[in-house]
Amino acid sequence: MPREVERPRQLHRTDWMALLSGVLFVVLGILVVTRAITDWLVLSGVLVLGLALAGLVAIIARAVRGK
């Protein structure tokens, strides 16, 4: 029989770097599969810029949080 323990629910903080990087890879994968992007130089440039933007958002979110 499980015990019921009353404790406050703790929320997890959003990992913005992981979330935005995952979205970036999914979108780039869709663009490659549908052949919307065929130039690998453009693809690598978009990848680097997208990861840089995700890193910047993660840094800003951490600074706002205070840790």
C-alpha atoms as a PDB file:
ATOM      1  CA  MET A   1       0.000   0.000   0.000  1.00  0.00           C
ATOM      2  CA  PRO A   2       1.648   3.303  -1.094  1.00  0.00           C
ATOM      3  CA  ARG A   3       2.137   6.041   1.440  1.00  0.00           C
ATOM      4  CA  GLU A   4       0.799   9.465   0.673  1.00  0.00           C
ATOM      5  CA  VAL A   5       3.282  12.137   1.662  1.00  0.00           C
ATOM      6  CA  GLU A   6       2.294  15.765   1.650  1.00  0.00           C
ATOM      7  CA  ARG A   7       5.101  17.843   0.211  1.00  0.00           C
ATOM      8  CA  PRO A   8       5.181  20.898  -2.004  1.00  0.00           C
ATOM      9  CA  ARG A   9       5.487  20.231  -5.695  1.00  0.00           C
ATOM     10  CA  GLN A  10       8.848  21.306  -7.093  1.00  0.00           C
ATOM     11  CA  LEU A  11       9.024  22.657 -10.619  1.00  0.00           C
ATOM     12  CA  HIS A  12      11.975  21.981 -12.883  1.00  0.00           C
ATOM     13  CA  ARG A  13      13.711  24.852 -14.583  1.00  0.00           C
ATOM     14  CA  THR A  14      13.681  24.886 -18.353  1.00  0.00           C
ATOM     15  CA  ASP A  15      16.983  23.972 -19.998  1.00  0.00           C
ATOM     16  CA  TRP A  16      16.836  26.492 -22.825  1.00  0.00           C
ATOM     17  CA  MET A  17      20.021  25.312 -24.537  1.00  0.00           C
ATOM     18  CA  ALA A  18      18.761  21.741 -24.839  1.00  0.00           C
ATOM     19  CA  LEU A  19      15.255  22.793 -25.859  1.00  0.00           C
ATOM     20  CA  LEU A  20      16.328  25.221 -28.578  1.00  0.00           C
ATOM     21  CA  SER A  21      19.071  22.910 -29.873  1.00  0.00           C
ATOM     22  CA  GLY A  22      16.569  20.075 -30.183  1.00  0.00           C
ATOM     23  CA  VAL A  23      14.103  22.268 -32.052  1.00  0.00           C
ATOM     24  CA  LEU A  24      16.908  23.457 -34.338  1.00  0.00           C
ATOM     25  CA  PHE A  25      17.978  19.909 -35.223  1.00  0.00           C
ATOM     26  CA  VAL A  26      14.384  18.819 -35.865  1.00  0.00           C
ATOM     27  CA  VAL A  27      13.739  21.808 -38.152  1.00  0.00           C
ATOM     28  CA  LEU A  28      17.030  21.325 -40.019  1.00  0.00           C
ATOM     29  CA  GLY A  29      16.265  17.622 -40.400  1.00  0.00           C
ATOM     30  CA  ILE A  30      12.877  18.423 -41.911  1.00  0.00           C
ATOM     31  CA  LEU A  31      14.468  20.953 -44.273  1.00  0.00           C
ATOM     32  CA  VAL A  32      17.075  18.421 -45.423  1.00  0.00           C
ATOM     33  CA  VAL A  33      14.552  15.595 -45.908  1.00  0.00           C
ATOM     34  CA  THR A  34      12.180  17.831 -47.896  1.00  0.00           C
ATOM     35  CA  ARG A  35      15.165  19.155 -49.875  1.00  0.00           C
ATOM     36  CA  ALA A  36      14.350  22.768 -48.994  1.00  0.00           C
ATOM     37  CA  ILE A  37      18.066  23.243 -48.220  1.00  0.00           C
ATOM     38  CA  THR A  38      20.413  21.507 -50.617  1.00  0.00           C
ATOM     39  CA  ASP A  39      23.595  23.528 -50.071  1.00  0.00           C
ATOM     40  CA  TRP A  40      25.622  22.050 -47.200  1.00  0.00           C
ATOM     41  CA  LEU A  41      27.458  25.336 -46.669  1.00  0.00           C
ATOM     42  CA  VAL A  42      24.166  27.130 -45.977  1.00  0.00           C
ATOM     43  CA  LEU A  43      23.066  24.269 -43.737  1.00  0.00           C
ATOM     44  CA  SER A  44      26.246  24.411 -41.654  1.00  0.00           C
ATOM     45  CA  GLY A  45      25.985  28.203 -41.377  1.00  0.00           C
ATOM     46  CA  VAL A  46      22.393  28.003 -40.170  1.00  0.00           C
ATOM     47  CA  LEU A  47      23.421  25.291 -37.704  1.00  0.00           C
ATOM     48  CA  VAL A  48      26.247  27.364 -36.224  1.00  0.00           C
ATOM     49  CA  LEU A  49      24.115  30.498 -35.994  1.00  0.00           C
ATOM     50  CA  GLY A  50      21.229  28.562 -34.456  1.00  0.00           C
ATOM     51  CA  LEU A  51      23.461  26.998 -31.809  1.00  0.00           C
ATOM     52  CA  ALA A  52      24.984  30.402 -31.058  1.00  0.00           C
ATOM     53  CA  LEU A  53      21.505  31.863 -30.603  1.00  0.00           C
ATOM     54  CA  ALA A  54      20.491  28.969 -28.334  1.00  0.00           C
ATOM     55  CA  GLY A  55      23.625  29.509 -26.246  1.00  0.00           C
ATOM     56  CA  LEU A  56      22.935  33.224 -25.968  1.00  0.00           C
ATOM     57  CA  VAL A  57      19.366  32.584 -24.816  1.00  0.00           C
ATOM     58  CA  ALA A  58      20.637  30.053 -22.249  1.00  0.00           C
ATOM     59  CA  ILE A  59      23.178  32.556 -20.894  1.00  0.00           C
ATOM     60  CA  ILE A  60      20.564  35.295 -20.628  1.00  0.00           C
ATOM     61  CA  ALA A  61      18.098  32.936 -18.911  1.00  0.00           C
ATOM     62  CA  ARG A  62      20.738  31.918 -16.362  1.00  0.00           C
ATOM     63  CA  ALA A  63      21.628  35.562 -15.678  1.00  0.00           C
ATOM     64  CA  VAL A  64      17.978  36.456 -15.157  1.00  0.00           C
ATOM     65  CA  ARG A  65      17.505  33.471 -12.792  1.00  0.00           C
ATOM     66  CA  GLY A  66      20.472  34.607 -10.725  1.00  0.00           C
ATOM     67  CA  LYS A  67      22.598  31.448 -10.845  1.00  0.00           C
END
